N, C-alpha and C. Protein backbone atom coordinates (compact mmCIF):
# COMPACT_ATOMS: atom_id res chain seq x y z
N UNK A 1 -4.53 296.58 179.18
CA UNK A 1 -6.31 296.98 178.50
C UNK A 1 -6.80 296.45 178.51
N UNK A 2 -6.97 294.93 178.42
CA UNK A 2 -7.30 293.37 178.81
C UNK A 2 -7.87 292.80 179.54
N UNK A 3 -6.65 293.11 180.36
CA UNK A 3 -6.53 293.09 181.99
C UNK A 3 -7.23 293.85 182.39
N UNK A 4 -7.34 294.43 182.76
CA UNK A 4 -8.87 296.20 182.97
C UNK A 4 -9.56 295.56 182.93
N UNK A 5 -10.39 295.41 181.92
CA UNK A 5 -11.95 295.05 181.54
C UNK A 5 -12.09 293.85 181.74
N UNK A 6 -11.76 292.78 182.08
CA UNK A 6 -11.71 291.17 182.98
C UNK A 6 -12.24 291.93 184.84
N UNK A 7 -11.00 292.50 185.00
CA UNK A 7 -11.13 293.13 186.73
C UNK A 7 -12.19 294.08 186.56
N UNK A 8 -12.55 294.89 185.84
CA UNK A 8 -13.74 295.56 185.59
C UNK A 8 -15.16 294.90 185.22
N UNK A 9 -15.24 292.89 184.67
CA UNK A 9 -15.98 292.58 184.39
C UNK A 9 -16.06 291.84 185.94
N UNK A 10 -15.13 291.11 186.46
CA UNK A 10 -15.27 290.36 187.61
C UNK A 10 -16.18 291.45 188.49
N UNK A 11 -15.56 292.36 188.90
CA UNK A 11 -15.97 293.28 190.29
C UNK A 11 -17.55 294.11 189.95
N UNK A 12 -17.76 294.06 188.92
CA UNK A 12 -19.74 294.09 188.35
C UNK A 12 -20.57 292.67 188.65
N UNK A 13 -19.54 292.15 188.62
CA UNK A 13 -20.69 289.93 188.86
C UNK A 13 -20.11 289.40 190.22
N UNK A 14 -19.35 290.57 191.25
CA UNK A 14 -19.25 290.44 192.22
C UNK A 14 -20.10 291.09 192.93
N UNK A 15 -20.12 292.09 192.53
CA UNK A 15 -21.07 293.86 193.16
C UNK A 15 -22.94 292.32 192.55
N UNK A 16 -23.01 292.27 191.64
CA UNK A 16 -23.79 291.22 191.86
C UNK A 16 -24.60 290.21 192.97
N UNK A 17 -23.14 289.45 193.15
CA UNK A 17 -23.81 287.88 194.30
C UNK A 17 -23.14 288.43 195.29
N UNK A 18 -23.28 289.90 195.63
CA UNK A 18 -22.94 290.67 197.40
C UNK A 18 -23.96 291.71 197.58
N UNK A 19 -24.65 292.00 196.84
CA UNK A 19 -26.08 293.20 197.31
C UNK A 19 -26.67 291.99 197.70
N UNK A 20 -27.05 292.59 199.46
CA UNK A 20 -28.26 292.01 199.98
C UNK A 20 -29.87 292.02 199.20
N UNK A 21 -30.38 290.87 199.80
CA UNK A 21 -31.66 291.42 199.51
C UNK A 21 -31.52 290.19 198.07
N UNK A 22 -30.99 289.26 198.07
CA UNK A 22 -31.01 288.21 197.36
C UNK A 22 -32.25 287.12 198.20
N UNK A 23 -33.23 286.10 196.54
CA UNK A 23 -34.17 285.15 197.41
C UNK A 23 -33.53 283.74 197.07
N UNK A 24 -31.95 284.38 195.77
CA UNK A 24 -31.84 283.04 195.92
C UNK A 24 -30.21 283.04 196.15
N UNK A 25 -30.51 281.99 197.80
CA UNK A 25 -30.09 281.68 198.18
C UNK A 25 -29.93 280.20 198.78
N UNK A 26 -28.56 279.68 198.92
CA UNK A 26 -28.10 277.92 198.82
C UNK A 26 -28.98 277.53 199.58
N UNK A 27 -28.27 276.54 199.74
CA UNK A 27 -29.00 275.95 201.59
C UNK A 27 -27.73 274.79 201.55
N UNK A 28 -27.30 274.80 202.90
CA UNK A 28 -26.04 274.07 203.56
C UNK A 28 -25.76 273.00 202.71
N UNK A 29 -27.21 271.98 202.81
CA UNK A 29 -26.95 270.52 202.42
C UNK A 29 -26.98 270.65 200.87
N UNK A 30 -26.95 271.40 199.71
CA UNK A 30 -26.73 271.73 198.78
C UNK A 30 -24.96 272.23 198.96
N UNK A 31 -23.93 271.86 199.62
CA UNK A 31 -23.15 272.05 199.36
C UNK A 31 -22.30 270.68 199.45
N UNK A 32 -21.42 270.12 198.03
CA UNK A 32 -20.19 269.24 198.28
C UNK A 32 -19.70 269.21 198.44
N UNK A 33 -18.55 267.88 199.62
CA UNK A 33 -18.03 268.40 200.56
C UNK A 33 -16.85 269.28 200.80
N UNK A 34 -16.10 268.93 199.70
CA UNK A 34 -15.20 269.79 199.74
C UNK A 34 -15.72 272.12 199.79
N UNK A 35 -16.69 272.00 199.64
CA UNK A 35 -17.32 273.54 199.79
C UNK A 35 -17.57 273.01 201.11
N UNK A 36 -18.28 271.70 202.06
CA UNK A 36 -18.59 272.16 203.85
C UNK A 36 -17.96 272.14 203.45
N UNK A 37 -16.53 271.55 203.57
CA UNK A 37 -15.28 271.71 204.72
C UNK A 37 -15.08 273.13 204.99
N UNK A 38 -14.83 273.98 203.74
CA UNK A 38 -14.52 275.61 202.93
C UNK A 38 -15.00 276.57 203.69
N UNK A 39 -16.62 276.34 204.19
CA UNK A 39 -17.89 277.05 204.77
C UNK A 39 -17.38 276.81 206.55
N UNK A 40 -17.10 275.92 206.53
CA UNK A 40 -17.06 275.32 208.10
C UNK A 40 -15.22 276.08 209.21
N UNK A 41 -14.37 275.72 208.41
CA UNK A 41 -13.10 276.38 207.99
C UNK A 41 -13.23 277.99 208.35
N UNK A 42 -13.49 278.45 207.37
CA UNK A 42 -14.14 280.13 206.97
C UNK A 42 -13.79 280.59 207.96
N UNK A 43 -15.41 280.07 208.67
CA UNK A 43 -16.60 281.00 210.12
C UNK A 43 -15.52 280.17 211.12
N UNK A 44 -14.80 278.87 211.28
CA UNK A 44 -14.58 278.56 212.63
C UNK A 44 -13.29 279.73 212.52
N UNK A 45 -12.45 279.82 211.14
CA UNK A 45 -11.45 280.60 212.16
C UNK A 45 -12.06 281.64 212.16
N UNK A 46 -12.85 282.33 211.49
CA UNK A 46 -13.43 283.78 211.15
C UNK A 46 -13.58 284.04 213.40
N UNK A 47 -13.86 282.90 213.37
CA UNK A 47 -14.66 283.16 215.12
C UNK A 47 -13.19 283.30 215.81
N UNK A 48 -12.53 282.88 215.73
CA UNK A 48 -11.16 282.77 216.42
C UNK A 48 -10.75 284.25 217.18
N UNK A 49 -11.21 284.88 215.98
CA UNK A 49 -10.70 285.86 215.49
C UNK A 49 -11.30 286.94 215.93
N UNK A 50 -12.85 286.90 216.50
CA UNK A 50 -12.99 287.84 216.79
C UNK A 50 -13.65 288.44 218.70
N UNK A 51 -14.17 289.22 219.26
CA UNK A 51 -13.48 289.76 220.22
C UNK A 51 -14.80 289.15 221.89
N UNK A 52 -16.08 288.55 220.96
CA UNK A 52 -17.12 288.34 222.05
C UNK A 52 -17.10 287.70 221.38
N UNK A 53 -18.37 288.12 220.91
CA UNK A 53 -19.24 286.60 220.33
C UNK A 53 -19.63 286.53 218.65
N UNK A 54 -19.79 284.98 218.31
CA UNK A 54 -19.37 284.52 217.38
C UNK A 54 -20.15 284.98 216.36
N UNK A 55 -19.78 284.21 215.13
CA UNK A 55 -20.49 284.52 214.19
C UNK A 55 -21.33 283.03 213.74
N UNK A 56 -22.54 283.28 212.79
CA UNK A 56 -22.57 281.41 211.99
C UNK A 56 -23.27 282.47 210.70
N UNK A 57 -23.51 281.76 209.65
CA UNK A 57 -23.77 281.79 208.32
C UNK A 57 -25.50 281.76 208.22
N UNK A 58 -25.72 283.26 208.13
CA UNK A 58 -26.93 283.59 208.14
C UNK A 58 -27.32 283.48 206.28
N UNK A 59 -26.94 283.55 205.24
CA UNK A 59 -26.95 283.07 203.96
C UNK A 59 -25.53 282.37 202.95
N UNK A 60 -26.05 281.63 202.54
CA UNK A 60 -25.55 281.41 201.07
C UNK A 60 -25.59 281.97 200.04
N UNK A 61 -24.72 282.66 199.05
CA UNK A 61 -24.98 283.66 198.34
C UNK A 61 -25.20 282.99 196.32
N UNK A 62 -23.37 281.88 196.97
CA UNK A 62 -22.23 281.76 195.12
C UNK A 62 -21.34 280.39 195.83
N UNK A 63 -21.57 279.53 195.33
CA UNK A 63 -20.37 278.53 195.47
C UNK A 63 -20.19 278.02 194.56
N UNK A 64 -19.11 278.06 194.34
CA UNK A 64 -18.24 276.84 192.83
C UNK A 64 -17.91 276.60 193.16
N UNK A 65 -17.34 275.19 192.68
CA UNK A 65 -15.90 274.38 192.97
C UNK A 65 -14.94 273.90 191.87
N UNK A 66 -14.31 274.17 191.36
CA UNK A 66 -13.57 273.49 189.82
C UNK A 66 -12.26 272.78 190.00
N UNK A 67 -12.37 271.91 189.48
CA UNK A 67 -11.17 270.72 189.50
C UNK A 67 -10.65 271.11 189.13
N UNK A 68 -9.05 271.91 189.75
CA UNK A 68 -8.18 272.37 188.66
C UNK A 68 -6.67 271.56 188.99
N UNK A 69 -6.45 270.52 187.33
CA UNK A 69 -5.35 269.34 187.58
C UNK A 69 -5.44 269.07 188.81
N UNK A 70 -4.55 269.02 190.09
CA UNK A 70 -5.19 267.48 190.82
C UNK A 70 -5.60 267.88 192.39
N UNK A 71 -6.42 268.58 191.67
CA UNK A 71 -6.84 269.30 192.88
C UNK A 71 -8.79 270.54 192.81
N UNK A 72 -9.00 271.48 193.56
CA UNK A 72 -10.48 271.98 194.00
C UNK A 72 -10.33 273.53 194.40
N UNK A 73 -10.36 273.58 193.44
CA UNK A 73 -10.62 275.17 193.84
C UNK A 73 -12.21 275.38 193.99
N UNK A 74 -11.81 276.18 195.69
CA UNK A 74 -14.01 276.02 195.90
C UNK A 74 -13.46 277.41 196.82
N UNK A 75 -14.39 278.61 195.68
CA UNK A 75 -15.12 279.63 196.39
C UNK A 75 -16.54 279.97 196.43
N UNK A 76 -16.89 280.56 198.26
CA UNK A 76 -18.20 280.37 198.56
C UNK A 76 -18.98 282.18 198.69
N UNK A 77 -18.90 282.36 198.47
CA UNK A 77 -19.76 283.77 198.56
C UNK A 77 -21.31 283.82 199.76
N UNK A 78 -21.10 284.22 200.55
CA UNK A 78 -21.46 284.34 201.98
C UNK A 78 -22.32 284.90 202.65
N UNK A 79 -23.47 285.57 203.44
CA UNK A 79 -23.23 286.37 204.62
C UNK A 79 -23.27 285.80 205.86
N UNK A 80 -22.35 285.85 207.07
CA UNK A 80 -22.45 286.20 208.16
C UNK A 80 -23.26 286.84 209.69
N UNK A 81 -23.68 286.12 210.23
CA UNK A 81 -24.21 287.53 211.21
C UNK A 81 -23.99 287.20 212.86
N UNK A 82 -23.90 288.09 213.66
CA UNK A 82 -23.24 287.63 214.99
C UNK A 82 -24.03 287.24 216.06
N UNK A 83 -23.69 286.27 216.59
CA UNK A 83 -25.21 285.80 217.56
C UNK A 83 -25.03 286.06 219.11
N UNK A 84 -25.54 285.78 219.60
CA UNK A 84 -25.88 285.94 221.11
C UNK A 84 -24.30 284.76 222.23
N UNK A 85 -24.10 284.05 221.34
CA UNK A 85 -23.10 283.13 222.39
C UNK A 85 -21.29 283.28 222.25
N UNK A 86 -21.57 283.50 223.23
CA UNK A 86 -19.89 283.74 223.48
C UNK A 86 -19.25 282.63 222.43
N UNK A 87 -17.93 283.56 222.00
CA UNK A 87 -17.01 282.09 221.22
C UNK A 87 -16.53 281.46 221.32
N UNK A 88 -16.30 281.07 222.59
CA UNK A 88 -16.21 279.99 223.11
C UNK A 88 -16.09 278.83 223.67
N UNK A 89 -17.96 278.76 223.76
CA UNK A 89 -18.88 277.84 224.24
C UNK A 89 -19.89 278.53 222.43
N UNK A 90 -19.52 278.24 221.79
CA UNK A 90 -20.33 278.34 220.59
C UNK A 90 -20.67 276.96 219.41
N UNK A 91 -21.69 276.57 220.08
CA UNK A 91 -22.40 275.22 218.53
C UNK A 91 -23.73 276.14 218.18
N UNK A 92 -23.54 276.24 216.92
CA UNK A 92 -23.98 277.31 215.47
C UNK A 92 -25.50 276.49 215.99
N UNK A 93 -25.63 275.47 216.31
CA UNK A 93 -27.47 275.27 216.74
C UNK A 93 -28.05 275.49 217.17
N UNK A 94 -27.09 276.29 218.71
CA UNK A 94 -27.88 275.91 219.12
C UNK A 94 -27.97 278.08 220.13
N UNK A 95 -27.31 278.83 219.29
CA UNK A 95 -27.10 279.85 218.85
C UNK A 95 -28.47 280.75 218.22
N UNK A 96 -28.59 281.71 217.80
CA UNK A 96 -29.56 282.32 218.25
C UNK A 96 -29.12 284.12 217.17
N UNK A 97 -29.49 283.60 215.58
CA UNK A 97 -28.37 285.53 215.77
C UNK A 97 -28.81 286.30 216.62
N UNK A 98 -27.91 287.53 217.15
CA UNK A 98 -28.63 289.04 218.32
C UNK A 98 -29.43 289.05 216.85
N UNK A 99 -30.41 289.82 217.97
CA UNK A 99 -31.53 290.57 217.26
C UNK A 99 -30.98 292.15 215.98
N UNK A 100 -29.81 292.93 216.90
CA UNK A 100 -29.25 293.58 216.19
C UNK A 100 -27.98 293.26 216.01
N UNK A 101 -27.61 292.31 215.62
CA UNK A 101 -26.41 291.98 215.52
C UNK A 101 -25.45 291.92 214.33
N UNK A 102 -24.34 292.27 214.01
CA UNK A 102 -23.08 292.81 213.43
C UNK A 102 -23.63 291.83 211.51
N UNK A 103 -23.49 292.05 210.96
CA UNK A 103 -23.73 291.11 209.40
C UNK A 103 -22.93 292.21 208.26
N UNK A 104 -22.07 290.89 208.29
CA UNK A 104 -20.99 290.49 207.60
C UNK A 104 -20.87 289.75 205.92
N UNK A 105 -20.83 290.68 204.85
CA UNK A 105 -20.29 289.65 203.55
C UNK A 105 -19.24 289.54 203.52
N UNK A 106 -19.06 287.49 203.00
CA UNK A 106 -17.96 287.30 202.64
C UNK A 106 -17.52 286.49 201.26
N UNK A 107 -16.40 286.55 201.30
CA UNK A 107 -16.16 285.98 200.56
C UNK A 107 -14.55 284.91 200.73
N UNK A 108 -14.66 283.41 200.39
CA UNK A 108 -13.83 282.59 201.02
C UNK A 108 -13.14 281.47 200.22
N UNK A 109 -11.79 281.50 199.90
CA UNK A 109 -11.25 280.96 198.14
C UNK A 109 -10.25 279.74 198.95
N UNK A 110 -10.57 278.20 198.89
CA UNK A 110 -9.53 277.13 199.38
C UNK A 110 -9.43 276.36 197.89
N UNK A 111 -7.93 276.23 198.58
CA UNK A 111 -7.30 275.05 197.21
C UNK A 111 -6.93 273.76 198.73
N UNK A 112 -7.37 272.64 197.53
CA UNK A 112 -7.96 271.13 198.17
C UNK A 112 -6.91 269.98 196.98
N UNK A 113 -5.68 269.42 197.33
CA UNK A 113 -5.42 268.82 196.83
C UNK A 113 -6.24 267.11 196.54
N UNK A 114 -6.42 267.00 195.80
CA UNK A 114 -7.31 265.54 195.63
C UNK A 114 -8.45 265.88 196.62
N UNK A 115 -8.48 263.98 196.86
CA UNK A 115 -9.38 264.21 198.09
C UNK A 115 -9.03 264.48 199.49
N UNK A 116 -7.52 265.65 199.74
CA UNK A 116 -7.36 265.83 201.09
C UNK A 116 -8.73 266.58 201.33
N UNK A 117 -8.39 266.08 203.43
CA UNK A 117 -9.85 267.04 204.04
C UNK A 117 -9.24 268.34 204.27
N UNK A 118 -7.87 268.68 204.68
CA UNK A 118 -7.08 269.60 204.93
C UNK A 118 -6.80 271.11 203.48
N UNK A 119 -7.10 272.02 203.48
CA UNK A 119 -7.07 272.67 202.14
C UNK A 119 -5.25 272.93 202.50
N UNK A 120 -5.23 273.17 200.91
CA UNK A 120 -3.68 273.42 200.96
C UNK A 120 -2.70 275.27 201.33
N UNK A 121 -4.66 276.37 200.27
CA UNK A 121 -4.34 277.24 200.83
C UNK A 121 -5.52 277.86 200.95
N UNK A 122 -5.83 278.81 201.72
CA UNK A 122 -7.28 279.57 201.72
C UNK A 122 -7.02 280.65 201.94
N UNK A 123 -8.47 281.86 202.35
CA UNK A 123 -7.99 283.01 201.64
C UNK A 123 -9.52 283.41 202.03
N UNK A 124 -9.68 284.78 203.19
CA UNK A 124 -11.53 285.07 203.48
C UNK A 124 -11.18 286.24 203.77
N UNK A 125 -12.45 287.05 203.55
CA UNK A 125 -12.73 288.12 203.23
C UNK A 125 -13.99 289.28 204.08
N UNK A 126 -14.20 289.48 204.87
CA UNK A 126 -15.42 290.24 205.19
C UNK A 126 -15.69 291.55 205.14
N UNK A 127 -16.44 291.66 204.80
CA UNK A 127 -16.91 292.94 204.63
C UNK A 127 -18.56 293.70 205.15
N UNK A 128 -18.31 294.80 205.85
CA UNK A 128 -19.77 294.85 206.35
C UNK A 128 -20.97 295.34 205.40
N UNK A 129 -21.88 295.30 205.76
CA UNK A 129 -23.30 294.87 204.47
C UNK A 129 -23.27 296.93 203.61
N UNK A 130 -22.10 297.48 204.00
CA UNK A 130 -22.46 298.30 202.50
C UNK A 130 -21.10 297.34 201.69
N UNK A 131 -21.70 298.11 199.89
CA UNK A 131 -21.00 297.28 199.50
C UNK A 131 -19.37 297.60 198.92
N UNK A 132 -18.98 296.80 198.66
CA UNK A 132 -17.49 296.62 199.31
C UNK A 132 -16.24 298.11 197.49
N UNK A 133 -16.01 298.77 197.81
CA UNK A 133 -15.33 299.11 196.62
C UNK A 133 -14.18 298.43 195.44
N UNK A 134 -14.80 298.47 194.51
CA UNK A 134 -13.85 298.47 193.44
C UNK A 134 -12.27 297.52 194.11
N UNK A 135 -11.81 298.87 194.12
CA UNK A 135 -10.13 298.01 194.03
C UNK A 135 -10.33 296.71 194.95
N UNK A 136 -11.15 296.29 196.53
CA UNK A 136 -11.32 295.85 197.53
C UNK A 136 -11.96 294.63 196.54
N UNK A 137 -12.84 294.20 195.83
CA UNK A 137 -13.40 293.37 194.93
C UNK A 137 -11.96 293.19 193.98
N UNK A 138 -10.98 293.53 193.12
CA UNK A 138 -10.69 293.61 192.85
C UNK A 138 -9.29 292.26 193.58
N UNK A 139 -8.89 292.84 194.42
CA UNK A 139 -7.89 292.83 195.32
C UNK A 139 -8.30 290.68 196.03
N UNK A 140 -9.73 291.16 196.32
CA UNK A 140 -9.86 289.65 196.72
C UNK A 140 -9.99 288.73 195.47
N UNK A 141 -10.39 288.95 194.32
CA UNK A 141 -9.89 288.39 192.74
C UNK A 141 -8.67 288.04 192.72
N UNK A 142 -7.94 288.65 193.86
CA UNK A 142 -6.26 288.08 193.32
C UNK A 142 -6.15 287.25 194.35
N UNK A 143 -6.39 287.42 195.32
CA UNK A 143 -6.19 286.62 196.30
C UNK A 143 -6.35 285.25 196.47
N UNK A 144 -7.77 285.08 195.85
CA UNK A 144 -8.63 283.97 195.18
C UNK A 144 -7.59 282.69 194.38
N UNK A 145 -7.32 284.11 193.28
CA UNK A 145 -6.39 283.54 192.12
C UNK A 145 -5.25 283.59 192.31
N UNK A 146 -4.50 283.66 193.49
CA UNK A 146 -2.77 283.35 194.46
C UNK A 146 -3.13 281.84 195.37
N UNK A 147 -4.47 281.68 196.05
CA UNK A 147 -4.49 280.39 196.34
C UNK A 147 -4.60 279.13 196.09
N UNK A 148 -5.48 279.68 194.37
CA UNK A 148 -5.66 278.32 193.53
C UNK A 148 -4.44 277.92 193.21
N UNK A 149 -3.22 278.95 192.36
CA UNK A 149 -2.07 278.43 192.17
C UNK A 149 -1.93 277.77 193.22
N UNK A 150 -1.80 277.49 194.76
CA UNK A 150 -1.21 276.61 195.68
C UNK A 150 -1.45 275.23 194.87
N UNK A 151 -2.53 274.23 194.14
CA UNK A 151 -2.85 274.09 193.79
C UNK A 151 -1.60 273.12 192.72
N UNK A 152 -1.24 272.02 193.46
CA UNK A 152 -0.12 271.14 192.37
C UNK A 152 -0.52 270.82 191.17
N UNK A 153 0.12 271.20 189.89
CA UNK A 153 0.14 270.08 188.79
C UNK A 153 1.33 269.06 188.66
N UNK A 154 0.00 268.02 188.88
CA UNK A 154 0.92 267.11 188.12
C UNK A 154 0.39 266.52 187.02
N UNK A 155 1.76 265.71 186.45
CA UNK A 155 1.28 265.70 184.33
C UNK A 155 1.87 264.34 185.06
N UNK A 156 0.72 262.74 184.35
CA UNK A 156 0.71 261.78 183.80
C UNK A 156 2.16 261.84 183.20
N UNK A 157 2.16 260.63 184.12
CA UNK A 157 3.38 259.74 183.58
C UNK A 157 4.65 260.63 183.85
N UNK A 158 4.73 261.90 184.39
CA UNK A 158 5.34 262.83 185.06
C UNK A 158 6.21 261.72 186.15
N UNK A 159 6.51 261.20 186.79
CA UNK A 159 7.09 261.15 187.90
C UNK A 159 7.78 259.25 186.92
N UNK A 160 7.63 258.83 186.01
CA UNK A 160 8.08 257.91 185.68
C UNK A 160 8.62 258.40 184.95
N UNK A 161 8.28 259.52 184.28
CA UNK A 161 9.14 259.56 183.20
C UNK A 161 10.83 260.74 184.14
N UNK A 162 10.25 260.99 184.72
CA UNK A 162 12.04 261.60 185.88
C UNK A 162 12.78 260.44 186.47
N UNK A 163 11.87 259.48 186.92
CA UNK A 163 12.84 258.05 187.36
C UNK A 163 13.58 257.54 186.10
N UNK A 164 13.18 257.27 185.36
CA UNK A 164 13.38 257.17 183.58
C UNK A 164 14.62 257.61 183.70
N UNK A 165 14.78 259.00 183.20
CA UNK A 165 16.23 259.40 182.95
C UNK A 165 17.19 259.58 184.09
N UNK A 166 16.17 259.84 185.13
CA UNK A 166 18.00 259.46 186.46
C UNK A 166 18.39 257.72 186.41
N UNK A 167 17.38 257.26 185.89
CA UNK A 167 18.38 255.85 185.52
C UNK A 167 19.17 255.71 184.52
N UNK A 168 18.47 256.65 183.31
CA UNK A 168 19.75 256.73 182.24
C UNK A 168 20.80 257.55 182.87
N UNK A 169 20.68 258.31 183.47
CA UNK A 169 21.74 259.65 183.51
C UNK A 169 22.99 258.01 184.24
N UNK A 170 22.73 257.36 184.96
CA UNK A 170 23.73 256.49 185.61
C UNK A 170 25.10 255.59 185.01
């Protein structure tokens, strides 16, 4: 019952951040390095799989980078819109959004270890402008938690303790 309640509260929270029309957008220059890397990677990876026209950021709605164990759990909710540029020669600063281009609302979750530039794990899901179903929101949350679990747990002194135990057993 408690799990269902948590999922419902999470779904309601995600609904509020995923709805279009908010004026509380975040600017790219407000992102910290891991958030920026996550956003850039998410858009690049998405554009690798589109058929023709590339997408670029329309709005950043929410971002959250949390230090977890010895890494960072980064979650970003944003909107992308189709551009006039072909995906093979895409340069975001030179490509305007298509007038009637498709708009997608996305969530991207990334796990980074300490200060590494490349993510350990990632998940991204995009839906059209309409609000995603509650099941989809719950699935997104589960996937983001799976990504977060990829951040290794390092306990202080663990290595030296293991070395000492190995030495004593000889």
